[in-house]
Protein backbone atom coordinates (compact mmCIF):
# COMPACT_ATOMS: atom_id res chain seq x y z
CA MET A 1 143.83 139.65 111.69
CA ARG A 2 140.12 140.15 112.33
CA ALA A 3 137.50 137.34 112.23
CA PRO A 4 134.92 137.60 109.43
CA GLU A 5 131.67 139.24 110.48
CA ALA A 6 128.97 136.73 111.44
CA ALA A 7 126.15 139.06 110.41
CA ALA A 8 126.91 138.46 106.74
CA THR A 9 125.78 134.82 107.02
CA THR A 10 122.22 135.53 108.17
CA GLU A 11 119.76 133.02 106.60
CA SER A 12 116.17 133.62 105.58
CA VAL A 13 113.42 131.17 104.63
CA VAL A 14 111.30 131.79 101.56
CA HIS A 15 107.94 129.94 101.43
CA PHE A 16 106.72 129.03 97.96
CA TYR A 17 103.26 128.24 99.33
CA ARG A 18 101.42 129.80 102.22
CA SER A 19 98.02 128.53 103.23
CA ASP A 20 95.43 131.27 103.32
CA GLU A 21 93.85 132.33 106.58
CA LYS A 22 90.33 131.12 107.19
CA ILE A 23 87.69 133.52 105.89
CA TYR A 24 84.84 134.34 108.27
CA ALA A 25 82.27 135.85 105.94
CA ARG A 26 79.79 138.17 107.59
CA ALA A 27 76.06 137.68 106.92
CA VAL A 28 74.50 140.29 104.67
CA LYS A 29 70.98 141.27 103.68
CA GLY A 30 69.86 143.21 100.66
CA TRP A 31 68.45 143.14 97.15
CA PHE A 32 71.17 140.94 95.66
CA ALA A 33 71.26 138.62 98.68
CA GLY A 34 67.55 138.04 98.08
CA TRP A 35 68.24 137.13 94.46
CA ARG A 36 71.01 134.75 95.49
CA TRP A 37 68.64 132.89 97.80
CA THR A 38 65.95 132.85 95.11
CA LEU A 39 68.44 131.06 92.84
CA VAL A 40 69.41 128.72 95.70
CA TRP A 41 65.79 127.68 96.17
CA PHE A 42 65.15 127.39 92.43
CA THR A 43 68.21 125.26 91.66
CA GLN A 44 67.75 122.97 94.64
CA LEU A 45 64.03 122.42 94.08
CA LEU A 46 64.89 121.60 90.47
CA PHE A 47 67.75 119.26 91.34
CA TYR A 48 66.14 117.43 94.26
CA GLY A 49 62.59 117.49 92.91
CA LEU A 50 63.13 116.54 89.27
CA ALA A 51 64.45 113.12 90.22
CA TRP A 52 61.10 112.29 91.88
CA LEU A 53 58.87 113.67 89.12
CA PRO A 54 56.88 110.81 87.47
CA TRP A 55 56.42 110.81 83.70
CA ASN A 56 54.77 108.13 81.55
CA GLY A 57 55.06 105.62 84.37
CA ARG A 58 58.75 106.28 84.98
CA GLN A 59 61.13 109.00 86.13
CA ALA A 60 60.89 112.20 84.09
CA VAL A 61 64.68 112.44 83.77
CA LEU A 62 66.62 109.19 83.96
CA PHE A 63 69.95 108.17 82.44
CA ASP A 64 69.58 104.42 82.76
CA LEU A 65 73.08 103.12 82.06
CA GLU A 66 72.13 99.49 82.71
CA VAL A 67 69.70 99.31 79.78
CA ARG A 68 71.43 102.16 77.89
CA ARG A 69 68.37 104.40 77.66
CA PHE A 70 68.31 108.11 78.43
CA TYR A 71 64.87 109.54 79.22
CA ILE A 72 64.27 113.29 79.24
CA PHE A 73 60.51 113.76 79.58
CA ASP A 74 59.08 112.51 76.24
CA LEU A 75 62.50 112.19 74.63
CA VAL A 76 64.12 108.73 74.57
CA LEU A 77 67.78 108.63 73.53
CA TYR A 78 70.14 105.76 72.78
CA PRO A 79 73.95 105.64 72.98
CA GLN A 80 73.91 106.20 69.21
CA ASP A 81 72.44 109.65 69.93
CA PHE A 82 75.68 110.76 71.61
CA ILE A 83 75.88 113.59 69.08
CA TYR A 84 73.12 115.39 71.00
CA LEU A 85 75.23 115.38 74.17
CA THR A 86 78.09 116.82 72.15
CA GLY A 87 75.79 119.55 70.85
CA LEU A 88 74.56 120.29 74.37
CA LEU A 89 78.14 120.68 75.64
CA ILE A 90 78.99 123.01 72.76
CA ILE A 91 75.88 125.10 73.49
CA SER A 92 76.85 125.27 77.17
CA ALA A 93 80.36 126.44 76.27
CA TYR A 94 79.19 129.15 73.87
CA SER A 95 76.49 130.26 76.32
CA LEU A 96 79.20 130.65 78.95
CA PHE A 97 81.36 132.68 76.54
CA LEU A 98 78.44 134.93 75.59
CA PHE A 99 77.19 135.38 79.14
CA THR A 100 80.69 136.12 80.45
CA ALA A 101 81.43 138.64 77.69
CA VAL A 102 78.22 140.53 78.54
CA ALA A 103 77.68 140.04 82.28
CA GLY A 104 80.97 138.81 83.72
CA ARG A 105 80.83 136.17 86.45
CA LEU A 106 77.15 136.37 87.38
CA TRP A 107 76.92 132.60 86.88
CA CYS A 108 79.57 132.12 89.56
CA GLY A 109 77.89 134.47 91.99
CA TYR A 110 74.35 133.17 91.74
CA ALA A 111 73.93 129.75 90.12
CA CYS A 112 77.23 127.83 90.21
CA PRO A 113 76.79 124.64 92.31
CA GLN A 114 79.89 125.56 94.32
CA THR A 115 78.40 128.95 95.22
CA VAL A 116 74.93 127.53 95.88
CA TYR A 117 76.12 124.79 98.24
CA THR A 118 78.59 127.10 99.94
CA GLU A 119 75.71 129.49 100.61
CA ILE A 120 73.66 126.63 102.11
CA PHE A 121 76.56 125.39 104.23
CA MET A 122 77.35 128.90 105.47
CA TRP A 123 73.69 129.32 106.46
CA VAL A 124 73.95 126.12 108.52
CA GLU A 125 77.21 127.38 110.04
CA ARG A 126 75.68 130.70 111.08
CA HIS A 127 72.73 128.96 112.70
CA THR A 128 74.87 126.50 114.65
CA GLU A 129 77.91 128.62 115.54
CA GLY A 130 76.68 132.19 115.21
CA ASP A 131 77.70 135.08 112.98
CA ARG A 132 81.23 136.22 112.17
CA MET A 133 82.51 137.39 115.57
CA ARG A 134 81.01 134.46 117.47
CA ARG A 135 82.58 131.99 115.02
CA MET A 136 85.97 133.64 115.36
CA LYS A 137 85.71 133.57 119.15
CA LEU A 138 84.54 129.94 119.11
CA ASP A 139 87.45 128.84 116.91
CA SER A 140 90.05 130.65 118.99
CA GLY A 141 88.66 129.36 122.30
CA PRO A 142 89.44 126.06 124.06
CA TRP A 143 87.56 122.84 123.34
CA ASN A 144 84.65 122.42 125.72
CA ALA A 145 81.18 120.88 125.68
CA GLU A 146 79.59 123.83 123.90
CA LYS A 147 82.24 123.91 121.19
CA ILE A 148 82.00 120.15 120.61
CA LEU A 149 78.21 120.34 120.45
CA ARG A 150 78.15 123.26 118.03
CA LYS A 151 80.93 121.93 115.80
CA GLY A 152 79.55 118.39 115.87
CA GLY A 153 76.04 119.57 115.04
CA LYS A 154 77.29 121.65 112.13
CA HIS A 155 79.29 118.83 110.60
CA ALA A 156 76.47 116.33 111.11
CA ILE A 157 74.09 118.59 109.16
CA TRP A 158 76.74 119.18 106.48
CA LEU A 159 77.25 115.45 106.07
CA ALA A 160 73.50 114.84 105.88
CA ILE A 161 73.13 117.46 103.12
CA GLY A 162 76.14 116.05 101.27
CA LEU A 163 74.91 112.45 101.41
CA TRP A 164 71.41 113.45 100.32
CA THR A 165 72.97 115.33 97.43
CA GLY A 166 75.02 112.28 96.45
CA PHE A 167 71.95 110.04 96.77
CA THR A 168 69.93 112.35 94.52
CA PHE A 169 72.71 112.54 91.95
CA VAL A 170 72.91 108.74 91.74
CA GLY A 171 69.10 108.73 91.50
CA TYR A 172 69.37 110.23 88.01
CA PHE A 173 71.25 107.09 86.88
CA THR A 174 69.49 104.43 88.95
CA PRO A 175 65.70 104.86 89.38
CA ILE A 176 65.49 106.87 92.58
CA ARG A 177 62.47 105.03 93.98
CA GLU A 178 64.35 101.74 93.68
CA LEU A 179 67.35 103.42 95.27
CA TRP A 180 65.18 104.68 98.13
CA ALA A 181 63.79 101.20 98.76
CA ALA A 182 67.30 99.76 98.68
CA ALA A 183 68.42 102.29 101.30
CA PHE A 184 66.02 100.78 103.85
CA THR A 185 67.00 97.19 103.13
CA ALA A 186 70.77 97.79 103.01
CA SER A 187 70.81 96.36 99.48
CA PHE A 188 72.70 99.16 97.76
CA GLY A 189 74.82 97.92 94.89
CA PRO A 190 78.59 98.54 95.11
CA TRP A 191 78.56 101.24 92.44
CA GLU A 192 75.56 103.04 93.93
CA SER A 193 77.25 102.99 97.34
CA PHE A 194 80.55 104.26 95.93
CA TRP A 195 79.10 107.15 93.93
CA THR A 196 76.69 108.21 96.68
CA LEU A 197 79.58 108.42 99.14
CA PHE A 198 81.91 109.99 96.56
CA TYR A 199 79.58 112.84 95.59
CA GLY A 200 78.32 113.22 99.14
CA LEU A 201 81.82 113.66 100.53
CA ALA A 202 82.80 115.86 97.59
CA THR A 203 79.89 118.19 98.39
CA TYR A 204 80.81 118.15 102.08
CA GLY A 205 84.47 118.90 101.34
CA ASN A 206 84.01 121.52 98.63
CA ALA A 207 81.22 123.53 100.26
CA GLY A 208 82.16 122.98 103.89
CA TRP A 209 85.94 123.06 103.93
CA MET A 210 87.49 124.33 100.69
CA ARG A 211 84.88 126.93 99.73
CA GLU A 212 86.70 129.88 98.17
CA GLN A 213 89.77 127.69 97.51
CA VAL A 214 87.76 125.86 94.84
CA CYS A 215 86.93 129.16 93.12
CA LYS A 216 90.44 130.59 93.44
CA TYR A 217 92.63 127.60 92.68
CA MET A 218 90.63 124.64 91.35
CA CYS A 219 88.07 126.18 89.00
CA PRO A 220 89.54 126.88 85.53
CA TYR A 221 86.83 129.43 84.77
CA ALA A 222 88.44 131.99 87.09
CA ARG A 223 91.70 131.60 85.21
CA PHE A 224 90.55 132.02 81.62
CA GLN A 225 87.75 134.52 82.21
CA GLY A 226 90.20 137.34 81.46
CA ALA A 227 90.27 136.24 77.84
CA MET A 228 86.52 136.91 77.61
CA PHE A 229 86.46 140.20 79.52
CA ASP A 230 86.86 143.62 77.99
CA LYS A 231 86.25 147.13 79.29
CA ASP A 232 82.53 146.86 78.44
CA THR A 233 81.94 143.64 80.41
CA LEU A 234 79.72 144.00 83.47
CA ILE A 235 81.75 143.71 86.68
CA ILE A 236 81.47 144.74 90.30
CA GLY A 237 83.46 147.94 90.64
CA TYR A 238 84.36 150.52 93.23
CA ASP A 239 83.91 154.15 92.15
CA LEU A 240 87.33 155.64 92.89
CA LYS A 241 86.32 159.15 91.86
CA ARG A 242 83.49 159.18 94.33
CA GLY A 243 84.99 157.10 97.14
CA GLU A 244 88.52 158.50 97.52
CA PRO A 245 90.12 159.66 99.63
CA ARG A 246 88.52 157.32 102.12
CA GLY A 247 88.44 157.79 105.89
CA THR A 248 86.31 157.65 109.00
CA ARG A 249 84.00 160.55 109.84
CA GLY A 250 80.69 161.44 111.48
CA ARG A 251 77.39 161.64 109.66
CA LYS A 252 77.42 165.44 109.73
CA THR A 253 81.00 165.84 108.55
CA ASP A 254 81.41 168.31 105.68
CA LEU A 255 83.19 166.22 103.06
CA SER A 256 84.58 169.20 101.16
CA GLU A 257 86.18 170.63 104.28
CA ALA A 258 87.47 167.22 105.44
CA LYS A 259 88.63 166.45 101.88
CA LEU A 260 87.08 162.98 102.04
CA GLY A 261 85.22 160.81 99.58
CA HIS A 262 82.12 158.74 100.35
CA CYS A 263 84.01 155.62 101.51
CA ILE A 264 84.15 155.64 105.32
CA ASP A 265 86.73 152.79 105.32
CA CYS A 266 84.56 150.57 107.51
CA GLY A 267 85.91 147.38 105.90
CA LEU A 268 82.49 145.72 105.75
CA CYS A 269 82.88 145.05 102.01
CA VAL A 270 85.87 142.85 102.85
CA GLN A 271 84.15 141.14 105.77
CA VAL A 272 81.15 139.99 103.69
CA CYS A 273 83.22 138.81 100.70
CA PRO A 274 83.17 134.99 100.44
CA THR A 275 86.61 135.01 98.78
CA GLY A 276 88.10 137.59 101.17
CA ILE A 277 89.14 140.24 98.63
CA ASP A 278 89.02 144.02 98.89
CA ILE A 279 86.98 145.21 95.91
CA ARG A 280 88.39 148.71 96.38
CA LYS A 281 91.69 147.47 94.93
CA GLY A 282 90.07 147.00 91.54
CA LEU A 283 89.02 144.03 89.40
CA GLN A 284 90.46 140.73 90.70
CA TYR A 285 90.09 137.23 89.33
CA GLU A 286 88.89 135.98 92.76
CA CYS A 287 85.73 138.11 92.54
CA ILE A 288 82.77 135.83 91.78
CA GLY A 289 80.29 138.66 91.22
CA CYS A 290 78.00 137.75 94.13
CA ALA A 291 77.32 141.42 95.03
CA ALA A 292 77.54 140.89 98.80
CA CYS A 293 79.80 143.96 98.92
CA ILE A 294 77.19 145.99 97.03
CA ASP A 295 74.45 145.11 99.52
CA VAL A 296 76.51 145.94 102.60
CA CYS A 297 77.92 149.14 101.09
CA ASN A 298 74.46 150.34 100.10
CA GLY A 299 73.39 149.83 103.70
CA VAL A 300 76.29 151.96 104.90
CA MET A 301 75.48 154.67 102.33
CA ASP A 302 71.88 154.73 103.56
CA LYS A 303 73.03 155.24 107.16
CA MET A 304 75.40 158.03 106.10
CA ALA A 305 72.72 159.65 103.90
CA TYR A 306 74.97 159.29 100.83
CA PRO A 307 73.73 158.10 97.42
CA ARG A 308 73.86 154.35 96.83
CA GLY A 309 76.17 152.83 94.26
CA LEU A 310 79.64 153.51 95.61
CA ILE A 311 80.19 149.82 94.85
CA ARG A 312 77.97 148.70 91.99
CA TYR A 313 77.56 146.60 88.88
CA ASP A 314 79.18 148.59 86.10
CA THR A 315 81.82 148.31 83.39
CA GLU A 316 85.38 149.60 83.41
CA HIS A 317 84.42 152.15 80.76
CA GLY A 318 81.34 153.05 82.79
CA LEU A 319 83.35 153.68 85.94
CA GLU A 320 86.00 155.68 84.09
CA GLN A 321 83.66 157.75 81.92
CA GLY A 322 80.55 157.94 84.12
CA LEU A 323 78.28 156.28 81.53
CA ASP A 324 74.57 156.04 82.23
CA ALA A 325 72.43 152.88 81.86
CA GLY A 326 71.44 153.68 78.27
CA GLN A 327 75.05 154.14 77.17
CA LEU A 328 76.02 150.88 78.87
CA LEU A 329 73.26 148.98 77.06
CA ARG A 330 74.29 150.37 73.69
CA ARG A 331 77.82 149.09 74.23
CA VAL A 332 76.54 145.54 74.76
CA LEU A 333 76.19 145.02 70.99
CA ARG A 334 79.90 144.87 70.23
CA PRO A 335 81.64 142.51 67.76
CA ARG A 336 82.55 139.64 70.09
CA VAL A 337 79.03 139.57 71.56
CA LEU A 338 77.47 139.52 68.07
CA VAL A 339 79.79 136.69 66.97
CA TYR A 340 79.05 134.61 70.08
CA THR A 341 75.31 135.22 69.65
CA ALA A 342 75.30 134.29 65.95
CA VAL A 343 77.24 131.07 66.54
CA LEU A 344 75.07 130.14 69.52
CA VAL A 345 71.80 130.76 67.62
CA LEU A 346 73.07 128.67 64.70
CA ILE A 347 74.05 125.73 66.93
CA VAL A 348 70.80 125.85 68.94
CA ALA A 349 68.71 126.02 65.75
CA SER A 350 70.61 123.11 64.22
CA LEU A 351 70.23 120.95 67.32
CA ALA A 352 66.53 121.81 67.66
CA ALA A 353 65.91 120.99 63.99
CA SER A 354 67.79 117.71 64.33
CA LEU A 355 65.70 116.72 67.35
CA ALA A 356 62.47 117.71 65.62
CA LEU A 357 63.32 115.70 62.49
CA ARG A 358 64.76 112.77 64.43
CA SER A 359 63.31 109.43 63.43
CA PRO A 360 61.18 107.70 66.09
CA PHE A 361 63.10 104.48 65.42
CA ARG A 362 66.56 103.38 64.30
CA VAL A 363 67.72 100.41 62.27
CA ASP A 364 71.11 98.71 62.02
CA ILE A 365 71.72 95.75 59.71
CA GLU A 366 74.66 93.36 59.50
CA ARG A 367 75.29 90.26 57.47
CA ASP A 368 75.66 87.06 59.38
CA ARG A 369 79.39 86.55 58.91
CA GLY A 370 79.14 83.03 60.26
CA ALA A 371 77.04 81.89 57.30
CA LEU A 372 78.01 82.16 53.62
CA ALA A 373 75.61 82.57 50.74
CA MET A 374 73.90 79.27 50.10
CA LEU A 375 71.61 77.53 47.66
CA VAL A 376 68.29 76.50 49.16
CA GLU A 377 65.29 74.63 47.81
CA ASP A 378 64.34 75.15 44.14
CA GLY A 379 67.70 76.85 43.43
CA TRP A 380 67.04 80.08 45.34
CA VAL A 381 70.15 81.91 46.68
CA GLU A 382 69.94 82.94 50.33
CA ASN A 383 71.90 85.35 52.56
CA THR A 384 71.20 85.67 56.29
CA TYR A 385 71.26 88.92 58.30
CA ARG A 386 70.70 90.28 61.77
CA MET A 387 68.70 93.49 62.04
CA GLN A 388 68.56 95.66 65.16
CA VAL A 389 65.37 97.72 65.48
CA MET A 390 65.37 100.42 68.19
CA ASN A 391 62.04 101.91 69.19
CA ALA A 392 62.63 105.49 70.40
CA THR A 393 59.02 106.01 71.50
CA GLU A 394 57.19 104.91 74.63
CA ARG A 395 54.51 103.00 72.72
CA PRO A 396 54.84 99.52 71.20
CA GLN A 397 55.45 99.81 67.46
CA THR A 398 54.98 97.41 64.55
CA TYR A 399 57.37 97.38 61.61
CA ARG A 400 57.23 95.82 58.15
CA ILE A 401 60.54 94.84 56.56
CA GLY A 402 61.14 94.73 52.82
CA VAL A 403 64.12 94.65 50.48
CA ALA A 404 65.03 96.28 47.15
CA GLY A 405 68.02 96.44 44.82
CA ILE A 406 67.82 93.03 43.16
CA VAL A 407 64.80 92.20 41.04
CA GLY A 408 62.69 89.44 42.57
CA SER A 409 64.45 89.47 45.95
CA VAL A 410 62.24 88.76 48.97
CA VAL A 411 62.61 88.78 52.75
CA ASP A 412 62.08 85.44 54.40
CA LEU A 413 60.38 86.61 57.58
CA LYS A 414 57.13 85.44 59.07
CA GLY A 415 54.90 88.47 59.55
CA ASP A 416 55.64 91.95 60.84
CA VAL A 417 57.97 92.79 63.73
CA THR A 418 56.68 94.31 66.98
CA VAL A 419 59.05 96.13 69.33
CA GLY A 420 57.98 97.18 72.82
CA ALA A 421 58.09 100.71 74.20
CA ALA A 422 61.65 102.09 74.31
CA GLU A 423 63.04 98.66 73.56
CA THR A 424 65.55 97.18 71.14
CA ARG A 425 65.03 93.92 69.29
CA TRP A 426 67.41 91.84 67.21
CA VAL A 427 65.60 90.21 64.28
CA PRO A 428 67.21 87.31 62.36
CA LEU A 429 66.08 87.27 58.73
CA ALA A 430 67.06 85.97 55.32
CA VAL A 431 66.96 87.50 51.84
CA ARG A 432 66.35 85.18 48.91
CA VAL A 433 66.87 85.73 45.19
CA PRO A 434 65.11 83.48 42.61
CA PRO A 435 67.33 81.13 40.54
CA GLU A 436 66.73 82.84 37.18
CA GLN A 437 67.75 86.22 38.61
CA ALA A 438 70.72 84.77 40.51
CA ALA A 439 71.97 83.20 37.26
CA SER A 440 72.04 86.63 35.60
CA LEU A 441 74.17 88.15 38.39
CA LYS A 442 77.94 88.02 38.52
CA PRO A 443 79.44 86.11 41.46
CA GLY A 444 80.40 88.40 44.31
CA SER A 445 78.85 91.31 46.22
CA HIS A 446 75.76 93.22 45.11
CA ALA A 447 74.16 96.26 46.75
CA ILE A 448 70.73 95.89 48.30
CA GLU A 449 68.59 98.13 50.44
CA PHE A 450 66.37 97.18 53.36
CA LYS A 451 63.18 99.18 53.83
CA VAL A 452 61.72 99.24 57.34
CA GLU A 453 58.24 100.79 57.56
CA ARG A 454 56.62 101.77 60.84
CA LEU A 455 52.95 100.99 60.36
CA ALA A 456 50.38 103.73 60.88
CA GLU A 457 47.97 103.67 63.84
CA SER A 458 44.59 105.31 63.42
CA ALA A 459 43.86 105.22 67.16
CA SER A 460 46.86 107.37 68.11
CA GLY A 461 47.04 109.33 64.88
CA GLN A 462 50.50 107.92 64.22
CA ALA A 463 51.59 108.25 60.61
CA ALA A 464 53.57 105.64 58.71
CA ARG A 465 57.29 106.24 58.37
CA THR A 466 60.00 104.40 56.42
CA LEU A 467 63.74 104.09 56.96
CA THR A 468 66.20 102.56 54.51
CA GLU A 469 69.46 100.81 55.37
CA LYS A 470 72.08 99.71 52.85
CA SER A 471 73.73 96.29 52.84
CA THR A 472 75.19 93.72 50.44
CA PHE A 473 74.05 90.40 48.95
CA LEU A 474 76.61 87.74 48.04
CA VAL A 475 76.17 85.53 45.00
CA PRO A 476 78.27 82.30 45.14
CA ARG A 477 80.49 81.17 42.28
């Protein structure tokens, strides 16, 4: 009898998750890198500067949750105007669909906050730790004074940028000048402190530590973009016909004799990629369209005296069929693009018309449920109401309140109602019906209509405007 063979019981371990290796992106210069930094400057000046821009004695853009007012330059919105936020979100979604169908992931590569802050944090990293090879050497080396100083300096600057970003974000919801004064007196409110730290640390973590992991695993856009792509969508592509077979060579090598394409297999396109992919393997969902590989490849082509564009913005049809720029542009007007454009134009036009025709004030009326209809002096029948008047302008306004629907009915209110700039006022009032008219009405509920007129102002050229609000009048038995 022989013993069973031990080799048959060999075990192996299968890992369902493997953490990716750290990506050391190489610095790159070029046309598209210049555009990326132009967008970095534009978006950050807009974000950090807009919060400090004064407008009509206040912040130009302020979402004041405490008083429930939303200021966007001359526009004053109330919570009841939530429909406009809904419209804005729908416009953003359709704009994303349209832009993606035409130009792929250019948003991701140039203007997405994750990309923008990652670019800023990588710039800080390069200036504190050095470029790619120096960072790799620093990380693999032992901890010493230089490493602690460089790493500590980098993270200190990252944290400062993150906290300033969180502070600015909160400054769009709490007046930023008040927030700035509170920062020096240690009188931050609990919510301001929480959200400043939350968004500050989120910026620090996303742009400093997770970087491409956010784009590859956390962002849903990378996952569903395939549903919006087709073979005429603009992508970053590698020209296989021109580049293959790839291989190293000298500048004076005869390509026909060496049977080589234009790709010298230097690997620089992989080294500069912020998500660590090899664009030569074709379209991949991790590609954010930043064009770093285009810039570095064009530099290599210049040195080798080859034409630029081995890696370029193109479409799958363009790469396969060798289409020129005119042919690519003609293919832009395809059915899905036309549908997205038509829907987007319709929604934008509707929202713009709604804002243009929006009333400068709002009125809500409710019966005082704590008081029934009653008989007052001389047999008049009285109902009491509470009216909310919301002034959506930044000038004090005067309103005159009347009532219609029952003959002879009057509003028992002393004088006109004045509401301050961007304020809301609750007005208690009563509606009375004369005894002879009340006697002719059946007991129960009767429809009435309040008319609220904004009085004209000759000094400002403000025209009169009237709103109507329906309610009911109860006649007792």
